[in-house]
PDB file of N, CA and C in Angstrom:
ATOM      1  N   MET A   1       0.829  -1.171   0.000  1.00  0.00           N
ATOM      2  CA  MET A   1       0.000   0.000   0.000  1.00  0.00           C
ATOM      3  C   MET A   1       0.881   1.245   0.000  1.00  0.00           C
ATOM      4  N   ASP A   2       0.828   1.942  -1.076  1.00  0.00           N
ATOM      5  CA  ASP A   2       1.608   3.164  -1.209  1.00  0.00           C
ATOM      6  C   ASP A   2       0.858   4.342  -0.609  1.00  0.00           C
ATOM      7  N   THR A   3       1.619   5.178   0.069  1.00  0.00           N
ATOM      8  CA  THR A   3       1.023   6.422   0.554  1.00  0.00           C
ATOM      9  C   THR A   3       1.127   7.443  -0.563  1.00  0.00           C
ATOM     10  N   PRO A   4       0.116   8.277  -0.729  1.00  0.00           N
ATOM     11  CA  PRO A   4       0.184   9.272  -1.804  1.00  0.00           C
ATOM     12  C   PRO A   4       1.293  10.279  -1.546  1.00  0.00           C
ATOM     13  N   LYS A   5       2.044  10.571  -2.588  1.00  0.00           N
ATOM     14  CA  LYS A   5       3.141  11.525  -2.481  1.00  0.00           C
ATOM     15  C   LYS A   5       2.589  12.950  -2.503  1.00  0.00           C
ATOM     16  N   GLN A   6       3.147  13.777  -1.648  1.00  0.00           N
ATOM     17  CA  GLN A   6       2.724  15.178  -1.588  1.00  0.00           C
ATOM     18  C   GLN A   6       3.164  15.878  -2.870  1.00  0.00           C
ATOM     19  N   LYS A   7       2.247  16.619  -3.484  1.00  0.00           N
ATOM     20  CA  LYS A   7       2.524  17.258  -4.774  1.00  0.00           C
ATOM     21  C   LYS A   7       3.360  18.527  -4.652  1.00  0.00           C
ATOM     22  N   GLY A   8       3.238  19.246  -3.576  1.00  0.00           N
ATOM     23  CA  GLY A   8       3.960  20.503  -3.426  1.00  0.00           C
ATOM     24  C   GLY A   8       3.927  20.957  -1.988  1.00  0.00           C
ATOM     25  N   SER A   9       4.371  22.180  -1.765  1.00  0.00           N
ATOM     26  CA  SER A   9       4.337  22.703  -0.406  1.00  0.00           C
ATOM     27  C   SER A   9       3.925  24.175  -0.439  1.00  0.00           C
ATOM     28  N   ILE A  10       3.276  24.578   0.627  1.00  0.00           N
ATOM     29  CA  ILE A  10       2.826  25.965   0.743  1.00  0.00           C
ATOM     30  C   ILE A  10       4.031  26.904   0.772  1.00  0.00           C
ATOM     31  N   PHE A  11       5.080  26.497   1.476  1.00  0.00           N
ATOM     32  CA  PHE A  11       6.271  27.345   1.579  1.00  0.00           C
ATOM     33  C   PHE A  11       6.859  27.645   0.205  1.00  0.00           C
ATOM     34  N   TRP A  12       7.064  26.593  -0.610  1.00  0.00           N
ATOM     35  CA  TRP A  12       7.668  26.816  -1.923  1.00  0.00           C
ATOM     36  C   TRP A  12       6.720  27.552  -2.860  1.00  0.00           C
ATOM     37  N   GLY A  13       5.422  27.374  -2.672  1.00  0.00           N
ATOM     38  CA  GLY A  13       4.462  28.161  -3.434  1.00  0.00           C
ATOM     39  C   GLY A  13       4.593  29.637  -3.112  1.00  0.00           C
ATOM     40  N   MET A  14       4.738  29.963  -1.814  1.00  0.00           N
ATOM     41  CA  MET A  14       4.923  31.357  -1.401  1.00  0.00           C
ATOM     42  C   MET A  14       6.214  31.932  -1.972  1.00  0.00           C
ATOM     43  N   VAL A  15       7.283  31.139  -1.930  1.00  0.00           N
ATOM     44  CA  VAL A  15       8.579  31.613  -2.425  1.00  0.00           C
ATOM     45  C   VAL A  15       8.500  31.914  -3.916  1.00  0.00           C
ATOM     46  N   TRP A  16       7.920  30.989  -4.684  1.00  0.00           N
ATOM     47  CA  TRP A  16       7.797  31.204  -6.126  1.00  0.00           C
ATOM     48  C   TRP A  16       6.934  32.421  -6.439  1.00  0.00           C
ATOM     49  N   MET A  17       5.818  32.573  -5.722  1.00  0.00           N
ATOM     50  CA  MET A  17       4.955  33.729  -5.953  1.00  0.00           C
ATOM     51  C   MET A  17       5.693  35.030  -5.661  1.00  0.00           C
ATOM     52  N   PHE A  18       6.446  35.052  -4.580  1.00  0.00           N
ATOM     53  CA  PHE A  18       7.180  36.252  -4.193  1.00  0.00           C
ATOM     54  C   PHE A  18       8.244  36.611  -5.225  1.00  0.00           C
ATOM     55  N   VAL A  19       9.042  35.634  -5.625  1.00  0.00           N
ATOM     56  CA  VAL A  19      10.149  35.899  -6.553  1.00  0.00           C
ATOM     57  C   VAL A  19       9.618  36.337  -7.913  1.00  0.00           C
ATOM     58  N   ILE A  20       8.628  35.627  -8.434  1.00  0.00           N
ATOM     59  CA  ILE A  20       8.106  35.978  -9.749  1.00  0.00           C
ATOM     60  C   ILE A  20       7.374  37.318  -9.700  1.00  0.00           C
ATOM     61  N   SER A  21       6.697  37.606  -8.598  1.00  0.00           N
ATOM     62  CA  SER A  21       6.054  38.916  -8.462  1.00  0.00           C
ATOM     63  C   SER A  21       7.096  40.031  -8.483  1.00  0.00           C
ATOM     64  N   LEU A  22       8.233  39.811  -7.839  1.00  0.00           N
ATOM     65  CA  LEU A  22       9.293  40.820  -7.869  1.00  0.00           C
ATOM     66  C   LEU A  22       9.877  40.996  -9.269  1.00  0.00           C
ATOM     67  N   LEU A  23      10.045  39.884  -9.977  1.00  0.00           N
ATOM     68  CA  LEU A  23      10.634  39.959 -11.311  1.00  0.00           C
ATOM     69  C   LEU A  23       9.676  40.546 -12.346  1.00  0.00           C
ATOM     70  N   LEU A  24       8.380  40.333 -12.159  1.00  0.00           N
ATOM     71  CA  LEU A  24       7.393  40.803 -13.134  1.00  0.00           C
ATOM     72  C   LEU A  24       6.567  41.977 -12.612  1.00  0.00           C
ATOM     73  N   PHE A  25       7.150  42.795 -11.749  1.00  0.00           N
ATOM     74  CA  PHE A  25       6.420  43.926 -11.168  1.00  0.00           C
ATOM     75  C   PHE A  25       5.976  44.919 -12.238  1.00  0.00           C
ATOM     76  N   TRP A  26       6.637  44.950 -13.353  1.00  0.00           N
ATOM     77  CA  TRP A  26       6.350  45.921 -14.390  1.00  0.00           C
ATOM     78  C   TRP A  26       5.156  45.532 -15.259  1.00  0.00           C
ATOM     79  N   LEU A  27       4.597  44.337 -15.054  1.00  0.00           N
ATOM     80  CA  LEU A  27       3.381  43.917 -15.753  1.00  0.00           C
ATOM     81  C   LEU A  27       2.212  44.025 -14.775  1.00  0.00           C
ATOM     82  N   PRO A  28       1.392  45.056 -14.860  1.00  0.00           N
ATOM     83  CA  PRO A  28       0.397  45.329 -13.823  1.00  0.00           C
ATOM     84  C   PRO A  28      -0.541  44.166 -13.490  1.00  0.00           C
ATOM     85  N   LEU A  29      -1.190  43.557 -14.437  1.00  0.00           N
ATOM     86  CA  LEU A  29      -2.104  42.456 -14.132  1.00  0.00           C
ATOM     87  C   LEU A  29      -1.509  41.095 -14.472  1.00  0.00           C
ATOM     88  N   ALA A  30      -0.734  41.047 -15.540  1.00  0.00           N
ATOM     89  CA  ALA A  30      -0.189  39.770 -15.986  1.00  0.00           C
ATOM     90  C   ALA A  30       0.897  39.245 -15.046  1.00  0.00           C
ATOM     91  N   GLY A  31       1.688  40.133 -14.437  1.00  0.00           N
ATOM     92  CA  GLY A  31       2.763  39.704 -13.539  1.00  0.00           C
ATOM     93  C   GLY A  31       2.251  38.914 -12.348  1.00  0.00           C
ATOM     94  N   PRO A  32       1.310  39.471 -11.561  1.00  0.00           N
ATOM     95  CA  PRO A  32       0.773  38.699 -10.439  1.00  0.00           C
ATOM     96  C   PRO A  32      -0.002  37.456 -10.880  1.00  0.00           C
ATOM     97  N   LEU A  33      -0.655  37.524 -12.045  1.00  0.00           N
ATOM     98  CA  LEU A  33      -1.389  36.357 -12.547  1.00  0.00           C
ATOM     99  C   LEU A  33      -0.430  35.212 -12.860  1.00  0.00           C
ATOM    100  N   ILE A  34       0.668  35.524 -13.532  1.00  0.00           N
ATOM    101  CA  ILE A  34       1.674  34.504 -13.843  1.00  0.00           C
ATOM    102  C   ILE A  34       2.299  33.976 -12.557  1.00  0.00           C
ATOM    103  N   ALA A  35       2.617  34.870 -11.631  1.00  0.00           N
ATOM    104  CA  ALA A  35       3.203  34.455 -10.353  1.00  0.00           C
ATOM    105  C   ALA A  35       2.241  33.542  -9.603  1.00  0.00           C
ATOM    106  N   GLY A  36       0.956  33.865  -9.640  1.00  0.00           N
ATOM    107  CA  GLY A  36      -0.038  33.036  -8.970  1.00  0.00           C
ATOM    108  C   GLY A  36      -0.161  31.659  -9.597  1.00  0.00           C
ATOM    109  N   ILE A  37      -0.134  31.596 -10.920  1.00  0.00           N
ATOM    110  CA  ILE A  37      -0.245  30.302 -11.597  1.00  0.00           C
ATOM    111  C   ILE A  37       0.943  29.417 -11.245  1.00  0.00           C
ATOM    112  N   VAL A  38       2.135  29.969 -11.334  1.00  0.00           N
ATOM    113  CA  VAL A  38       3.334  29.172 -11.028  1.00  0.00           C
ATOM    114  C   VAL A  38       3.363  28.786  -9.550  1.00  0.00           C
ATOM    115  N   GLY A  39       3.097  29.741  -8.674  1.00  0.00           N
ATOM    116  CA  GLY A  39       3.109  29.445  -7.242  1.00  0.00           C
ATOM    117  C   GLY A  39       2.014  28.477  -6.841  1.00  0.00           C
ATOM    118  N   GLY A  40       0.832  28.595  -7.451  1.00  0.00           N
ATOM    119  CA  GLY A  40      -0.253  27.668  -7.163  1.00  0.00           C
ATOM    120  C   GLY A  40       0.074  26.259  -7.607  1.00  0.00           C
ATOM    121  N   LYS A  41       0.741  26.152  -8.750  1.00  0.00           N
ATOM    122  CA  LYS A  41       1.164  24.828  -9.228  1.00  0.00           C
ATOM    123  C   LYS A  41       2.217  24.230  -8.297  1.00  0.00           C
ATOM    124  N   LYS A  42       3.127  25.061  -7.820  1.00  0.00           N
ATOM    125  CA  LYS A  42       4.165  24.584  -6.894  1.00  0.00           C
ATOM    126  C   LYS A  42       3.585  24.243  -5.519  1.00  0.00           C
ATOM    127  N   ALA A  43       2.492  24.915  -5.135  1.00  0.00           N
ATOM    128  CA  ALA A  43       1.866  24.636  -3.836  1.00  0.00           C
ATOM    129  C   ALA A  43       1.187  23.274  -3.850  1.00  0.00           C
ATOM    130  N   GLY A  44       0.685  22.849  -4.994  1.00  0.00           N
ATOM    131  CA  GLY A  44       0.181  21.489  -5.111  1.00  0.00           C
ATOM    132  C   GLY A  44      -1.324  21.324  -5.083  1.00  0.00           C
ATOM    133  N   GLY A  45      -2.085  22.346  -4.909  1.00  0.00           N
ATOM    134  CA  GLY A  45      -3.534  22.207  -4.895  1.00  0.00           C
ATOM    135  C   GLY A  45      -4.191  23.547  -4.649  1.00  0.00           C
ATOM    136  N   VAL A  46      -5.512  23.573  -4.781  1.00  0.00           N
ATOM    137  CA  VAL A  46      -6.237  24.838  -4.638  1.00  0.00           C
ATOM    138  C   VAL A  46      -6.157  25.362  -3.206  1.00  0.00           C
ATOM    139  N   GLY A  47      -6.407  24.501  -2.224  1.00  0.00           N
ATOM    140  CA  GLY A  47      -6.359  24.936  -0.829  1.00  0.00           C
ATOM    141  C   GLY A  47      -4.981  25.421  -0.425  1.00  0.00           C
ATOM    142  N   ALA A  48      -3.964  24.682  -0.825  1.00  0.00           N
ATOM    143  CA  ALA A  48      -2.592  25.076  -0.489  1.00  0.00           C
ATOM    144  C   ALA A  48      -2.195  26.357  -1.206  1.00  0.00           C
ATOM    145  N   SER A  49      -2.667  26.535  -2.435  1.00  0.00           N
ATOM    146  CA  SER A  49      -2.305  27.754  -3.166  1.00  0.00           C
ATOM    147  C   SER A  49      -2.987  28.986  -2.571  1.00  0.00           C
ATOM    148  N   ILE A  50      -4.228  28.835  -2.101  1.00  0.00           N
ATOM    149  CA  ILE A  50      -4.904  29.959  -1.449  1.00  0.00           C
ATOM    150  C   ILE A  50      -4.194  30.313  -0.142  1.00  0.00           C
ATOM    151  N   ALA A  51      -3.762  29.290   0.583  1.00  0.00           N
ATOM    152  CA  ALA A  51      -2.991  29.548   1.810  1.00  0.00           C
ATOM    153  C   ALA A  51      -1.676  30.240   1.482  1.00  0.00           C
ATOM    154  N   ALA A  52      -1.040  29.860   0.374  1.00  0.00           N
ATOM    155  CA  ALA A  52       0.230  30.470  -0.019  1.00  0.00           C
ATOM    156  C   ALA A  52       0.043  31.928  -0.424  1.00  0.00           C
ATOM    157  N   VAL A  53      -1.151  32.289  -0.858  1.00  0.00           N
ATOM    158  CA  VAL A  53      -1.416  33.689  -1.216  1.00  0.00           C
ATOM    159  C   VAL A  53      -1.610  34.533   0.039  1.00  0.00           C
ATOM    160  N   PHE A  54      -2.413  34.041   0.985  1.00  0.00           N
ATOM    161  CA  PHE A  54      -2.795  34.861   2.134  1.00  0.00           C
ATOM    162  C   PHE A  54      -1.851  34.739   3.329  1.00  0.00           C
ATOM    163  N   LEU A  55      -1.074  33.680   3.430  1.00  0.00           N
ATOM    164  CA  LEU A  55      -0.191  33.493   4.567  1.00  0.00           C
ATOM    165  C   LEU A  55       0.861  34.593   4.704  1.00  0.00           C
ATOM    166  N   PRO A  56       1.498  35.061   3.613  1.00  0.00           N
ATOM    167  CA  PRO A  56       2.453  36.168   3.784  1.00  0.00           C
ATOM    168  C   PRO A  56       1.811  37.433   4.344  1.00  0.00           C
ATOM    169  N   GLY A  57       0.573  37.719   3.953  1.00  0.00           N
ATOM    170  CA  GLY A  57      -0.123  38.888   4.496  1.00  0.00           C
ATOM    171  C   GLY A  57      -0.382  38.748   5.980  1.00  0.00           C
ATOM    172  N   LEU A  58      -0.779  37.557   6.403  1.00  0.00           N
ATOM    173  CA  LEU A  58      -0.996  37.319   7.828  1.00  0.00           C
ATOM    174  C   LEU A  58       0.304  37.432   8.614  1.00  0.00           C
ATOM    175  N   ILE A  59       1.361  36.877   8.071  1.00  0.00           N
ATOM    176  CA  ILE A  59       2.660  36.937   8.757  1.00  0.00           C
ATOM    177  C   ILE A  59       3.139  38.382   8.860  1.00  0.00           C
ATOM    178  N   LEU A  60       3.021  39.149   7.753  1.00  0.00           N
ATOM    179  CA  LEU A  60       3.428  40.551   7.784  1.00  0.00           C
ATOM    180  C   LEU A  60       2.599  41.340   8.785  1.00  0.00           C
ATOM    181  N   GLY A  61       1.293  41.092   8.810  1.00  0.00           N
ATOM    182  CA  GLY A  61       0.430  41.774   9.764  1.00  0.00           C
ATOM    183  C   GLY A  61       0.818  41.477  11.204  1.00  0.00           C
ATOM    184  N   LEU A  62       1.119  40.208  11.493  1.00  0.00           N
ATOM    185  CA  LEU A  62       1.535  39.836  12.846  1.00  0.00           C
ATOM    186  C   LEU A  62       2.868  40.472  13.226  1.00  0.00           C
ATOM    187  N   ILE A  63       3.807  40.480  12.288  1.00  0.00           N
ATOM    188  CA  ILE A  63       5.114  41.084  12.566  1.00  0.00           C
ATOM    189  C   ILE A  63       4.961  42.579  12.840  1.00  0.00           C
ATOM    190  N   LEU A  64       4.151  43.264  12.015  1.00  0.00           N
ATOM    191  CA  LEU A  64       3.924  44.689  12.248  1.00  0.00           C
ATOM    192  C   LEU A  64       3.238  44.928  13.582  1.00  0.00           C
ATOM    193  N   LEU A  65       2.275  44.086  13.925  1.00  0.00           N
ATOM    194  CA  LEU A  65       1.578  44.221  15.205  1.00  0.00           C
ATOM    195  C   LEU A  65       2.551  44.080  16.371  1.00  0.00           C
ATOM    196  N   ILE A  66       3.379  43.068  16.324  1.00  0.00           N
ATOM    197  CA  ILE A  66       4.317  42.816  17.423  1.00  0.00           C
ATOM    198  C   ILE A  66       5.342  43.939  17.545  1.00  0.00           C
ATOM    199  N   PHE A  67       5.952  44.334  16.418  1.00  0.00           N
ATOM    200  CA  PHE A  67       6.970  45.374  16.477  1.00  0.00           C
ATOM    201  C   PHE A  67       6.393  46.722  16.867  1.00  0.00           C
ATOM    202  N   ALA A  68       5.248  47.088  16.308  1.00  0.00           N
ATOM    203  CA  ALA A  68       4.661  48.387  16.642  1.00  0.00           C
ATOM    204  C   ALA A  68       4.231  48.430  18.102  1.00  0.00           C
ATOM    205  N   ALA A  69       3.663  47.341  18.606  1.00  0.00           N
ATOM    206  CA  ALA A  69       3.258  47.313  20.010  1.00  0.00           C
ATOM    207  C   ALA A  69       4.482  47.328  20.927  1.00  0.00           C
ATOM    208  N   PHE A  70       5.534  46.632  20.536  1.00  0.00           N
ATOM    209  CA  PHE A  70       6.739  46.571  21.355  1.00  0.00           C
ATOM    210  C   PHE A  70       7.470  47.915  21.390  1.00  0.00           C
ATOM    211  N   PHE A  71       7.646  48.534  20.232  1.00  0.00           N
ATOM    212  CA  PHE A  71       8.437  49.752  20.171  1.00  0.00           C
ATOM    213  C   PHE A  71       7.691  50.980  20.679  1.00  0.00           C
ATOM    214  N   THR A  72       6.376  50.999  20.589  1.00  0.00           N
ATOM    215  CA  THR A  72       5.633  52.158  21.074  1.00  0.00           C
ATOM    216  C   THR A  72       5.092  51.942  22.484  1.00  0.00           C
ATOM    217  N   GLY A  73       4.926  50.696  22.869  1.00  0.00           N
ATOM    218  CA  GLY A  73       4.343  50.404  24.174  1.00  0.00           C
ATOM    219  C   GLY A  73       2.832  50.566  24.197  1.00  0.00           C
ATOM    220  N   ILE A  74       2.234  50.755  23.035  1.00  0.00           N
ATOM    221  CA  ILE A  74       0.783  50.938  22.938  1.00  0.00           C
ATOM    222  C   ILE A  74       0.222  49.799  22.082  1.00  0.00           C
ATOM    223  N   PRO A  75      -0.413  48.811  22.694  1.00  0.00           N
ATOM    224  CA  PRO A  75      -0.913  47.674  21.915  1.00  0.00           C
ATOM    225  C   PRO A  75      -1.935  48.062  20.850  1.00  0.00           C
ATOM    226  N   LEU A  76      -2.745  49.081  21.099  1.00  0.00           N
ATOM    227  CA  LEU A  76      -3.730  49.499  20.108  1.00  0.00           C
ATOM    228  C   LEU A  76      -3.050  50.005  18.833  1.00  0.00           C
ATOM    229  N   LEU A  77      -1.953  50.732  18.990  1.00  0.00           N
ATOM    230  CA  LEU A  77      -1.201  51.195  17.829  1.00  0.00           C
ATOM    231  C   LEU A  77      -0.609  50.006  17.071  1.00  0.00           C
ATOM    232  N   GLY A  78      -0.166  48.996  17.787  1.00  0.00           N
ATOM    233  CA  GLY A  78       0.334  47.782  17.145  1.00  0.00           C
ATOM    234  C   GLY A  78      -0.743  47.086  16.343  1.00  0.00           C
ATOM    235  N   PHE A  79      -1.958  47.041  16.898  1.00  0.00           N
ATOM    236  CA  PHE A  79      -3.070  46.426  16.180  1.00  0.00           C
ATOM    237  C   PHE A  79      -3.387  47.193  14.906  1.00  0.00           C
ATOM    238  N   VAL A  80      -3.408  48.521  14.983  1.00  0.00           N
ATOM    239  CA  VAL A  80      -3.718  49.344  13.812  1.00  0.00           C
ATOM    240  C   VAL A  80      -2.640  49.164  12.741  1.00  0.00           C
ATOM    241  N   ALA A  81      -1.370  49.151  13.147  1.00  0.00           N
ATOM    242  CA  ALA A  81      -0.283  48.969  12.186  1.00  0.00           C
ATOM    243  C   ALA A  81      -0.341  47.582  11.559  1.00  0.00           C
ATOM    244  N   GLY A  82      -0.586  46.555  12.351  1.00  0.00           N
ATOM    245  CA  GLY A  82      -0.678  45.195  11.830  1.00  0.00           C
ATOM    246  C   GLY A  82      -1.839  45.042  10.865  1.00  0.00           C
ATOM    247  N   PHE A  83      -2.995  45.593  11.229  1.00  0.00           N
ATOM    248  CA  PHE A  83      -4.158  45.506  10.356  1.00  0.00           C
ATOM    249  C   PHE A  83      -3.947  46.314   9.084  1.00  0.00           C
ATOM    250  N   GLY A  84      -3.263  47.438   9.185  1.00  0.00           N
ATOM    251  CA  GLY A  84      -2.962  48.245   7.998  1.00  0.00           C
ATOM    252  C   GLY A  84      -2.055  47.513   7.028  1.00  0.00           C
ATOM    253  N   GLY A  85      -1.035  46.843   7.539  1.00  0.00           N
ATOM    254  CA  GLY A  85      -0.142  46.064   6.682  1.00  0.00           C
ATOM    255  C   GLY A  85      -0.863  44.917   6.005  1.00  0.00           C
ATOM    256  N   PHE A  86      -1.717  44.230   6.766  1.00  0.00           N
ATOM    257  CA  PHE A  86      -2.494  43.130   6.199  1.00  0.00           C
ATOM    258  C   PHE A  86      -3.439  43.650   5.124  1.00  0.00           C
ATOM    259  N   THR A  87      -4.061  44.796   5.349  1.00  0.00           N
ATOM    260  CA  THR A  87      -4.985  45.372   4.380  1.00  0.00           C
ATOM    261  C   THR A  87      -4.269  45.760   3.093  1.00  0.00           C
ATOM    262  N   LEU A  88      -3.070  46.315   3.201  1.00  0.00           N
ATOM    263  CA  LEU A  88      -2.304  46.665   2.005  1.00  0.00           C
ATOM    264  C   LEU A  88      -1.963  45.433   1.182  1.00  0.00           C
ATOM    265  N   VAL A  89      -1.571  44.356   1.847  1.00  0.00           N
ATOM    266  CA  VAL A  89      -1.225  43.141   1.123  1.00  0.00           C
ATOM    267  C   VAL A  89      -2.457  42.546   0.454  1.00  0.00           C
ATOM    268  N   VAL A  90      -3.566  42.482   1.164  1.00  0.00           N
ATOM    269  CA  VAL A  90      -4.780  41.876   0.625  1.00  0.00           C
ATOM    270  C   VAL A  90      -5.349  42.712  -0.519  1.00  0.00           C
ATOM    271  N   SER A  91      -5.182  44.025  -0.478  1.00  0.00           N
ATOM    272  CA  SER A  91      -5.726  44.869  -1.542  1.00  0.00           C
ATOM    273  C   SER A  91      -5.003  44.657  -2.872  1.00  0.00           C
ATOM    274  N   GLN A  92      -3.821  44.118  -2.846  1.00  0.00           N
ATOM    275  CA  GLN A  92      -3.048  43.889  -4.063  1.00  0.00           C
ATOM    276  C   GLN A  92      -3.081  42.439  -4.530  1.00  0.00           C
ATOM    277  N   VAL A  93      -3.973  41.632  -3.994  1.00  0.00           N
ATOM    278  CA  VAL A  93      -3.879  40.199  -4.179  1.00  0.00           C
ATOM    279  C   VAL A  93      -4.827  39.637  -5.246  1.00  0.00           C
ATOM    280  N   GLY A  94      -5.672  40.443  -5.868  1.00  0.00           N
ATOM    281  CA  GLY A  94      -6.680  39.943  -6.800  1.00  0.00           C
ATOM    282  C   GLY A  94      -6.146  39.052  -7.899  1.00  0.00           C
ATOM    283  N   PRO A  95      -5.274  39.553  -8.793  1.00  0.00           N
ATOM    284  CA  PRO A  95      -4.764  38.704  -9.867  1.00  0.00           C
ATOM    285  C   PRO A  95      -3.916  37.541  -9.340  1.00  0.00           C
ATOM    286  N   LEU A  96      -3.211  37.761  -8.234  1.00  0.00           N
ATOM    287  CA  LEU A  96      -2.403  36.690  -7.654  1.00  0.00           C
ATOM    288  C   LEU A  96      -3.285  35.554  -7.166  1.00  0.00           C
ATOM    289  N   LEU A  97      -4.411  35.880  -6.538  1.00  0.00           N
ATOM    290  CA  LEU A  97      -5.341  34.861  -6.061  1.00  0.00           C
ATOM    291  C   LEU A  97      -5.965  34.099  -7.223  1.00  0.00           C
ATOM    292  N   LEU A  98      -6.380  34.810  -8.272  1.00  0.00           N
ATOM    293  CA  LEU A  98      -6.948  34.153  -9.441  1.00  0.00           C
ATOM    294  C   LEU A  98      -5.938  33.209 -10.072  1.00  0.00           C
ATOM    295  N   GLY A  99      -4.702  33.667 -10.210  1.00  0.00           N
ATOM    296  CA  GLY A  99      -3.651  32.812 -10.762  1.00  0.00           C
ATOM    297  C   GLY A  99      -3.361  31.622  -9.877  1.00  0.00           C
ATOM    298  N   ALA A 100      -3.397  31.816  -8.554  1.00  0.00           N
ATOM    299  CA  ALA A 100      -3.131  30.714  -7.631  1.00  0.00           C
ATOM    300  C   ALA A 100      -4.212  29.643  -7.737  1.00  0.00           C
ATOM    301  N   ILE A 101      -5.464  30.062  -7.897  1.00  0.00           N
ATOM    302  CA  ILE A 101      -6.551  29.090  -8.051  1.00  0.00           C
ATOM    303  C   ILE A 101      -6.378  28.313  -9.356  1.00  0.00           C
ATOM    304  N   ILE A 102      -6.035  29.010 -10.436  1.00  0.00           N
ATOM    305  CA  ILE A 102      -5.799  28.334 -11.714  1.00  0.00           C
ATOM    306  C   ILE A 102      -4.623  27.361 -11.595  1.00  0.00           C
ATOM    307  N   GLY A 103      -3.527  27.833 -10.981  1.00  0.00           N
ATOM    308  CA  GLY A 103      -2.356  26.958 -10.803  1.00  0.00           C
ATOM    309  C   GLY A 103      -2.650  25.775  -9.912  1.00  0.00           C
ATOM    310  N   GLY A 104      -3.458  25.985  -8.851  1.00  0.00           N
ATOM    311  CA  GLY A 104      -3.835  24.878  -7.986  1.00  0.00           C
ATOM    312  C   GLY A 104      -4.680  23.856  -8.715  1.00  0.00           C
ATOM    313  N   LEU A 105      -5.567  24.316  -9.571  1.00  0.00           N
ATOM    314  CA  LEU A 105      -6.371  23.390 -10.373  1.00  0.00           C
ATOM    315  C   LEU A 105      -5.499  22.624 -11.356  1.00  0.00           C
ATOM    316  N   LEU A 106      -4.502  23.303 -11.941  1.00  0.00           N
ATOM    317  CA  LEU A 106      -3.584  22.616 -12.863  1.00  0.00           C
ATOM    318  C   LEU A 106      -2.748  21.568 -12.139  1.00  0.00           C
ATOM    319  N   ALA A 107      -2.393  21.843 -10.881  1.00  0.00           N
ATOM    320  CA  ALA A 107      -1.585  20.891 -10.115  1.00  0.00           C
ATOM    321  C   ALA A 107      -2.372  19.643  -9.750  1.00  0.00           C
ATOM    322  N   GLU A 108      -3.696  19.782  -9.637  1.00  0.00           N
ATOM    323  CA  GLU A 108      -4.518  18.635  -9.249  1.00  0.00           C
ATOM    324  C   GLU A 108      -4.837  17.722 -10.421  1.00  0.00           C
ATOM    325  N   ILE A 109      -4.583  18.199 -11.631  1.00  0.00           N
ATOM    326  CA  ILE A 109      -4.882  17.377 -12.821  1.00  0.00           C
ATOM    327  C   ILE A 109      -3.870  16.263 -12.953  1.00  0.00           C
TER     328      ILE A 109
END
């Protein structure tokens, strides 16, 4: 009885999306779409690719929350900074999310 081999990983999907997004920043809609397709395929599935899209935003938001609360001593300011960072990341994620879903579907075929 063989165990099914894992097709990809969320971490490598995030890395591919990040690198390709940096390299194709000059293509407004096509760059994030291509990055999403490649990263979604590397993530290995639709669920993993969606996690690979939103996980960096959550991590950035948490880091901003912790640092802002620590350096200012005001937890409310940390919350506002963390939520602001998360909102900025999520507002730029449309084509990347669409590409990740397409790439995740391609990985499942």
